[in-house]
Amino acid sequence: MNMLLAVAFGGALGALGRHLISGQVMRWMGSGFPWGTMTVNILGSFILGVLVEYMALRWSATLEMRGFLVVGVLGGFTTFSAFSLDVVLLLERGSLGPAFAYIAGNLLLSVCGLFAGLMIFRQVLA
């Protein structure tokens, strides 16, 4: 039961963070391209990289804390289902170039974000 509560609470916090950050990015960048979703996916990947490295090297987090942070907070924060909807909406509008740029940008930059999180945290610890 503790794990379920940890994941649920983390998910609520992550979803709130996604809503606030994504909305702010959309206000800054406009709504013609799903910049907000892309931003939270990249940022979430970066944070996951930092967390994974930190938990592997410095912090023996409990299973509940791992569930809270990784499954809950970051699961609620990153938005793959919203990403999929954004792709379909771009394709349905006939925006093939932006749709494929969005797919490539999310996949490549999110993986790079995770890698950057790992590398930067390793440098901080060194």
N, C-alpha and C. Protein backbone atom coordinates (compact mmCIF):
# COMPACT_ATOMS: atom_id res chain seq x y z
N MET A 1 0.82 -1.20 0.00
CA MET A 1 0.00 0.00 0.00
C MET A 1 0.86 1.26 0.00
N ASN A 2 1.98 1.23 0.73
CA ASN A 2 2.85 2.40 0.76
C ASN A 2 3.37 2.74 -0.64
N MET A 3 3.70 1.70 -1.43
CA MET A 3 4.20 1.93 -2.79
C MET A 3 3.12 2.58 -3.64
N LEU A 4 1.89 2.11 -3.54
CA LEU A 4 0.80 2.70 -4.32
C LEU A 4 0.59 4.17 -3.97
N LEU A 5 0.63 4.48 -2.70
CA LEU A 5 0.47 5.87 -2.28
C LEU A 5 1.64 6.73 -2.75
N ALA A 6 2.84 6.19 -2.68
CA ALA A 6 4.02 6.94 -3.13
C ALA A 6 3.93 7.25 -4.62
N VAL A 7 3.55 6.25 -5.41
CA VAL A 7 3.42 6.45 -6.86
C VAL A 7 2.28 7.43 -7.17
N ALA A 8 1.16 7.26 -6.48
CA ALA A 8 0.02 8.15 -6.72
C ALA A 8 0.34 9.60 -6.38
N PHE A 9 0.96 9.83 -5.23
CA PHE A 9 1.32 11.19 -4.83
C PHE A 9 2.36 11.78 -5.79
N GLY A 10 3.36 10.97 -6.13
CA GLY A 10 4.36 11.43 -7.08
C GLY A 10 3.76 11.75 -8.44
N GLY A 11 2.83 10.91 -8.88
CA GLY A 11 2.17 11.15 -10.17
C GLY A 11 1.39 12.45 -10.18
N ALA A 12 0.73 12.75 -9.07
CA ALA A 12 -0.01 14.02 -8.97
C ALA A 12 0.95 15.20 -9.06
N LEU A 13 2.06 15.13 -8.36
CA LEU A 13 3.04 16.21 -8.42
C LEU A 13 3.65 16.35 -9.82
N GLY A 14 3.97 15.22 -10.43
CA GLY A 14 4.53 15.25 -11.77
C GLY A 14 3.57 15.83 -12.79
N ALA A 15 2.30 15.43 -12.70
CA ALA A 15 1.30 15.95 -13.64
C ALA A 15 1.10 17.46 -13.45
N LEU A 16 1.12 17.90 -12.22
CA LEU A 16 1.01 19.33 -11.95
C LEU A 16 2.21 20.08 -12.55
N GLY A 17 3.40 19.54 -12.35
CA GLY A 17 4.59 20.15 -12.93
C GLY A 17 4.52 20.19 -14.45
N ARG A 18 4.06 19.09 -15.05
CA ARG A 18 3.92 19.04 -16.51
C ARG A 18 2.96 20.12 -16.98
N HIS A 19 1.83 20.24 -16.32
CA HIS A 19 0.83 21.23 -16.71
C HIS A 19 1.40 22.65 -16.64
N LEU A 20 2.06 22.95 -15.54
CA LEU A 20 2.59 24.31 -15.35
C LEU A 20 3.71 24.63 -16.34
N ILE A 21 4.66 23.73 -16.47
CA ILE A 21 5.81 23.99 -17.35
C ILE A 21 5.38 23.98 -18.81
N SER A 22 4.60 22.99 -19.20
CA SER A 22 4.16 22.90 -20.60
C SER A 22 3.34 24.13 -20.98
N GLY A 23 2.46 24.56 -20.10
CA GLY A 23 1.65 25.74 -20.37
C GLY A 23 2.49 27.00 -20.51
N GLN A 24 3.48 27.14 -19.64
CA GLN A 24 4.35 28.32 -19.71
C GLN A 24 5.17 28.32 -21.00
N VAL A 25 5.70 27.17 -21.37
CA VAL A 25 6.48 27.10 -22.61
C VAL A 25 5.59 27.43 -23.81
N MET A 26 4.36 26.96 -23.81
CA MET A 26 3.44 27.26 -24.91
C MET A 26 3.12 28.75 -24.96
N ARG A 27 3.03 29.41 -23.81
CA ARG A 27 2.81 30.86 -23.81
C ARG A 27 4.02 31.59 -24.38
N TRP A 28 5.21 31.10 -24.08
CA TRP A 28 6.44 31.73 -24.59
C TRP A 28 6.63 31.48 -26.08
N MET A 29 6.39 30.23 -26.51
CA MET A 29 6.75 29.82 -27.87
C MET A 29 5.58 29.82 -28.85
N GLY A 30 4.37 29.87 -28.35
CA GLY A 30 3.20 29.80 -29.22
C GLY A 30 2.68 28.39 -29.29
N SER A 31 1.50 28.25 -29.87
CA SER A 31 0.83 26.95 -29.89
C SER A 31 0.84 26.27 -31.26
N GLY A 32 1.60 26.79 -32.21
CA GLY A 32 1.65 26.18 -33.53
C GLY A 32 2.44 24.89 -33.58
N PHE A 33 3.28 24.66 -32.60
CA PHE A 33 4.11 23.46 -32.50
C PHE A 33 4.09 23.04 -31.03
N PRO A 34 4.03 21.75 -30.73
CA PRO A 34 3.92 21.31 -29.34
C PRO A 34 5.22 21.42 -28.53
N TRP A 35 5.71 22.65 -28.40
CA TRP A 35 6.96 22.90 -27.67
C TRP A 35 6.86 22.48 -26.20
N GLY A 36 5.71 22.66 -25.60
CA GLY A 36 5.55 22.34 -24.18
C GLY A 36 5.78 20.86 -23.90
N THR A 37 5.14 20.00 -24.70
CA THR A 37 5.31 18.56 -24.52
C THR A 37 6.75 18.15 -24.76
N MET A 38 7.34 18.69 -25.81
CA MET A 38 8.72 18.35 -26.11
C MET A 38 9.65 18.78 -24.98
N THR A 39 9.40 19.95 -24.43
CA THR A 39 10.24 20.45 -23.34
C THR A 39 10.17 19.54 -22.12
N VAL A 40 8.96 19.14 -21.71
CA VAL A 40 8.88 18.30 -20.52
C VAL A 40 9.46 16.91 -20.77
N ASN A 41 9.35 16.40 -21.99
CA ASN A 41 9.95 15.09 -22.29
C ASN A 41 11.47 15.16 -22.19
N ILE A 42 12.07 16.21 -22.73
CA ILE A 42 13.52 16.35 -22.68
C ILE A 42 13.97 16.61 -21.25
N LEU A 43 13.29 17.51 -20.55
CA LEU A 43 13.64 17.82 -19.17
C LEU A 43 13.46 16.60 -18.27
N GLY A 44 12.38 15.87 -18.46
CA GLY A 44 12.16 14.66 -17.67
C GLY A 44 13.23 13.62 -17.91
N SER A 45 13.68 13.48 -19.15
CA SER A 45 14.76 12.54 -19.45
C SER A 45 16.06 12.97 -18.78
N PHE A 46 16.34 14.27 -18.81
CA PHE A 46 17.54 14.79 -18.15
C PHE A 46 17.49 14.50 -16.64
N ILE A 47 16.35 14.79 -16.03
CA ILE A 47 16.21 14.57 -14.59
C ILE A 47 16.34 13.09 -14.26
N LEU A 48 15.79 12.23 -15.10
CA LEU A 48 15.92 10.79 -14.89
C LEU A 48 17.38 10.37 -14.93
N GLY A 49 18.13 10.94 -15.86
CA GLY A 49 19.57 10.63 -15.92
C GLY A 49 20.27 11.01 -14.63
N VAL A 50 19.98 12.19 -14.11
CA VAL A 50 20.59 12.63 -12.85
C VAL A 50 20.17 11.70 -11.71
N LEU A 51 18.88 11.38 -11.62
CA LEU A 51 18.39 10.52 -10.55
C LEU A 51 18.98 9.13 -10.59
N VAL A 52 19.03 8.53 -11.76
CA VAL A 52 19.57 7.18 -11.90
C VAL A 52 21.02 7.15 -11.43
N GLU A 53 21.79 8.12 -11.86
CA GLU A 53 23.20 8.18 -11.48
C GLU A 53 23.35 8.42 -9.99
N TYR A 54 22.56 9.31 -9.45
CA TYR A 54 22.63 9.63 -8.03
C TYR A 54 22.25 8.42 -7.19
N MET A 55 21.18 7.73 -7.58
CA MET A 55 20.75 6.56 -6.82
C MET A 55 21.73 5.40 -6.97
N ALA A 56 22.40 5.33 -8.11
CA ALA A 56 23.38 4.25 -8.31
C ALA A 56 24.66 4.49 -7.52
N LEU A 57 25.06 5.75 -7.38
CA LEU A 57 26.38 6.04 -6.80
C LEU A 57 26.35 6.59 -5.38
N ARG A 58 25.32 7.33 -5.03
CA ARG A 58 25.35 8.05 -3.76
C ARG A 58 24.18 7.80 -2.82
N TRP A 59 23.06 7.40 -3.34
CA TRP A 59 21.85 7.35 -2.52
C TRP A 59 21.16 6.01 -2.68
N SER A 60 21.07 5.27 -1.62
CA SER A 60 20.37 4.00 -1.63
C SER A 60 18.91 4.26 -1.26
N ALA A 61 18.17 4.75 -2.21
CA ALA A 61 16.77 5.12 -1.99
C ALA A 61 15.92 3.88 -1.75
N THR A 62 14.92 4.01 -0.91
CA THR A 62 13.99 2.91 -0.67
C THR A 62 13.19 2.64 -1.94
N LEU A 63 12.57 1.47 -2.00
CA LEU A 63 11.73 1.15 -3.15
C LEU A 63 10.59 2.15 -3.28
N GLU A 64 10.03 2.56 -2.16
CA GLU A 64 8.94 3.53 -2.20
C GLU A 64 9.41 4.88 -2.75
N MET A 65 10.61 5.30 -2.35
CA MET A 65 11.14 6.58 -2.86
C MET A 65 11.43 6.48 -4.35
N ARG A 66 11.96 5.35 -4.78
CA ARG A 66 12.20 5.15 -6.23
C ARG A 66 10.87 5.19 -6.98
N GLY A 67 9.86 4.52 -6.43
CA GLY A 67 8.53 4.54 -7.06
C GLY A 67 7.95 5.94 -7.10
N PHE A 68 8.10 6.67 -6.00
CA PHE A 68 7.62 8.05 -5.93
C PHE A 68 8.28 8.92 -7.00
N LEU A 69 9.62 8.86 -7.07
CA LEU A 69 10.36 9.75 -7.98
C LEU A 69 10.29 9.31 -9.44
N VAL A 70 10.59 8.04 -9.70
CA VAL A 70 10.73 7.59 -11.09
C VAL A 70 9.37 7.29 -11.72
N VAL A 71 8.59 6.42 -11.09
CA VAL A 71 7.29 6.05 -11.67
C VAL A 71 6.27 7.16 -11.46
N GLY A 72 6.24 7.72 -10.26
CA GLY A 72 5.25 8.74 -9.95
C GLY A 72 5.57 10.09 -10.54
N VAL A 73 6.56 10.78 -9.98
CA VAL A 73 6.85 12.16 -10.41
C VAL A 73 7.23 12.21 -11.89
N LEU A 74 8.24 11.43 -12.28
CA LEU A 74 8.68 11.52 -13.68
C LEU A 74 7.69 10.86 -14.64
N GLY A 75 6.99 9.82 -14.19
CA GLY A 75 5.94 9.22 -15.03
C GLY A 75 4.79 10.18 -15.26
N GLY A 76 4.44 10.95 -14.24
CA GLY A 76 3.39 11.96 -14.39
C GLY A 76 3.87 13.19 -15.15
N PHE A 77 5.16 13.44 -15.08
CA PHE A 77 5.73 14.64 -15.70
C PHE A 77 5.96 14.46 -17.20
N THR A 78 6.56 13.35 -17.59
CA THR A 78 6.80 13.12 -19.02
C THR A 78 5.50 12.67 -19.67
N THR A 79 5.43 12.84 -20.95
CA THR A 79 4.11 12.80 -21.59
C THR A 79 4.11 12.03 -22.91
N PHE A 80 4.45 10.77 -22.87
CA PHE A 80 4.51 10.06 -24.14
C PHE A 80 3.14 9.95 -24.80
N SER A 81 2.09 9.77 -24.02
CA SER A 81 0.76 9.71 -24.63
C SER A 81 0.39 11.05 -25.24
N ALA A 82 0.73 12.14 -24.58
CA ALA A 82 0.47 13.46 -25.15
C ALA A 82 1.34 13.67 -26.39
N PHE A 83 2.56 13.18 -26.35
CA PHE A 83 3.45 13.23 -27.52
C PHE A 83 2.78 12.53 -28.71
N SER A 84 2.23 11.35 -28.48
CA SER A 84 1.59 10.60 -29.56
C SER A 84 0.40 11.37 -30.14
N LEU A 85 -0.39 11.98 -29.27
CA LEU A 85 -1.52 12.78 -29.73
C LEU A 85 -1.04 13.98 -30.54
N ASP A 86 0.02 14.66 -30.07
CA ASP A 86 0.57 15.80 -30.81
C ASP A 86 1.00 15.39 -32.22
N VAL A 87 1.62 14.23 -32.34
CA VAL A 87 2.06 13.75 -33.66
C VAL A 87 0.85 13.55 -34.56
N VAL A 88 -0.17 12.88 -34.05
CA VAL A 88 -1.37 12.63 -34.86
C VAL A 88 -2.02 13.94 -35.27
N LEU A 89 -2.11 14.90 -34.36
CA LEU A 89 -2.72 16.19 -34.70
C LEU A 89 -1.92 16.92 -35.78
N LEU A 90 -0.60 16.89 -35.66
CA LEU A 90 0.23 17.51 -36.71
C LEU A 90 0.02 16.81 -38.05
N LEU A 91 -0.02 15.49 -38.04
CA LEU A 91 -0.23 14.74 -39.29
C LEU A 91 -1.61 15.02 -39.88
N GLU A 92 -2.63 15.09 -39.03
CA GLU A 92 -3.98 15.36 -39.52
C GLU A 92 -4.12 16.76 -40.10
N ARG A 93 -3.29 17.70 -39.64
CA ARG A 93 -3.28 19.05 -40.21
C ARG A 93 -2.48 19.11 -41.49
N GLY A 94 -1.86 17.99 -41.86
CA GLY A 94 -1.03 17.97 -43.06
C GLY A 94 0.36 18.53 -42.84
N SER A 95 0.77 18.68 -41.60
CA SER A 95 2.08 19.23 -41.26
C SER A 95 3.10 18.10 -41.15
N LEU A 96 3.44 17.49 -42.29
CA LEU A 96 4.33 16.33 -42.29
C LEU A 96 5.72 16.68 -41.79
N GLY A 97 6.30 17.76 -42.30
CA GLY A 97 7.64 18.16 -41.88
C GLY A 97 7.72 18.42 -40.38
N PRO A 98 6.84 19.29 -39.85
CA PRO A 98 6.86 19.51 -38.41
C PRO A 98 6.59 18.23 -37.60
N ALA A 99 5.73 17.35 -38.10
CA ALA A 99 5.44 16.10 -37.37
C ALA A 99 6.70 15.25 -37.25
N PHE A 100 7.42 15.10 -38.36
CA PHE A 100 8.63 14.27 -38.31
C PHE A 100 9.76 14.97 -37.55
N ALA A 101 9.82 16.29 -37.62
CA ALA A 101 10.80 17.02 -36.81
C ALA A 101 10.49 16.85 -35.33
N TYR A 102 9.22 16.85 -35.00
CA TYR A 102 8.80 16.68 -33.62
C TYR A 102 9.14 15.28 -33.11
N ILE A 103 8.88 14.28 -33.93
CA ILE A 103 9.22 12.89 -33.56
C ILE A 103 10.73 12.77 -33.33
N ALA A 104 11.50 13.23 -34.31
CA ALA A 104 12.97 13.13 -34.20
C ALA A 104 13.49 13.95 -33.03
N GLY A 105 12.96 15.16 -32.86
CA GLY A 105 13.41 16.02 -31.77
C GLY A 105 13.15 15.40 -30.41
N ASN A 106 11.95 14.86 -30.21
CA ASN A 106 11.63 14.23 -28.94
C ASN A 106 12.50 13.01 -28.68
N LEU A 107 12.63 12.15 -29.67
CA LEU A 107 13.40 10.92 -29.44
C LEU A 107 14.89 11.22 -29.23
N LEU A 108 15.46 11.96 -30.13
CA LEU A 108 16.90 12.23 -30.03
C LEU A 108 17.24 13.11 -28.84
N LEU A 109 16.51 14.19 -28.66
CA LEU A 109 16.84 15.12 -27.58
C LEU A 109 16.52 14.55 -26.19
N SER A 110 15.49 13.70 -26.10
CA SER A 110 15.19 13.08 -24.81
C SER A 110 16.28 12.08 -24.42
N VAL A 111 16.75 11.29 -25.37
CA VAL A 111 17.86 10.38 -25.10
C VAL A 111 19.11 11.18 -24.76
N CYS A 112 19.35 12.24 -25.51
CA CYS A 112 20.49 13.11 -25.20
C CYS A 112 20.32 13.76 -23.83
N GLY A 113 19.11 14.14 -23.47
CA GLY A 113 18.85 14.72 -22.15
C GLY A 113 19.19 13.74 -21.04
N LEU A 114 18.80 12.48 -21.20
CA LEU A 114 19.13 11.49 -20.18
C LEU A 114 20.65 11.30 -20.10
N PHE A 115 21.29 11.19 -21.24
CA PHE A 115 22.75 11.02 -21.27
C PHE A 115 23.43 12.24 -20.64
N ALA A 116 22.95 13.43 -20.96
CA ALA A 116 23.53 14.65 -20.39
C ALA A 116 23.37 14.67 -18.87
N GLY A 117 22.21 14.24 -18.39
CA GLY A 117 22.00 14.16 -16.95
C GLY A 117 22.99 13.23 -16.28
N LEU A 118 23.23 12.07 -16.89
CA LEU A 118 24.21 11.14 -16.35
C LEU A 118 25.61 11.77 -16.33
N MET A 119 26.01 12.34 -17.45
CA MET A 119 27.37 12.89 -17.60
C MET A 119 27.59 14.09 -16.68
N ILE A 120 26.63 14.97 -16.63
CA ILE A 120 26.79 16.17 -15.78
C ILE A 120 26.87 15.77 -14.32
N PHE A 121 26.01 14.84 -13.91
CA PHE A 121 26.05 14.43 -12.52
C PHE A 121 27.36 13.72 -12.19
N ARG A 122 27.88 12.94 -13.12
CA ARG A 122 29.18 12.30 -12.90
C ARG A 122 30.27 13.34 -12.70
N GLN A 123 30.19 14.43 -13.47
CA GLN A 123 31.17 15.51 -13.33
C GLN A 123 31.02 16.23 -11.99
N VAL A 124 29.79 16.40 -11.54
CA VAL A 124 29.55 17.05 -10.25
C VAL A 124 30.16 16.20 -9.13
N LEU A 125 30.04 14.88 -9.24
CA LEU A 125 30.57 13.99 -8.21
C LEU A 125 32.09 13.87 -8.25
N ALA A 126 32.67 14.12 -9.40
CA ALA A 126 34.12 13.92 -9.55
C ALA A 126 34.92 14.99 -8.82
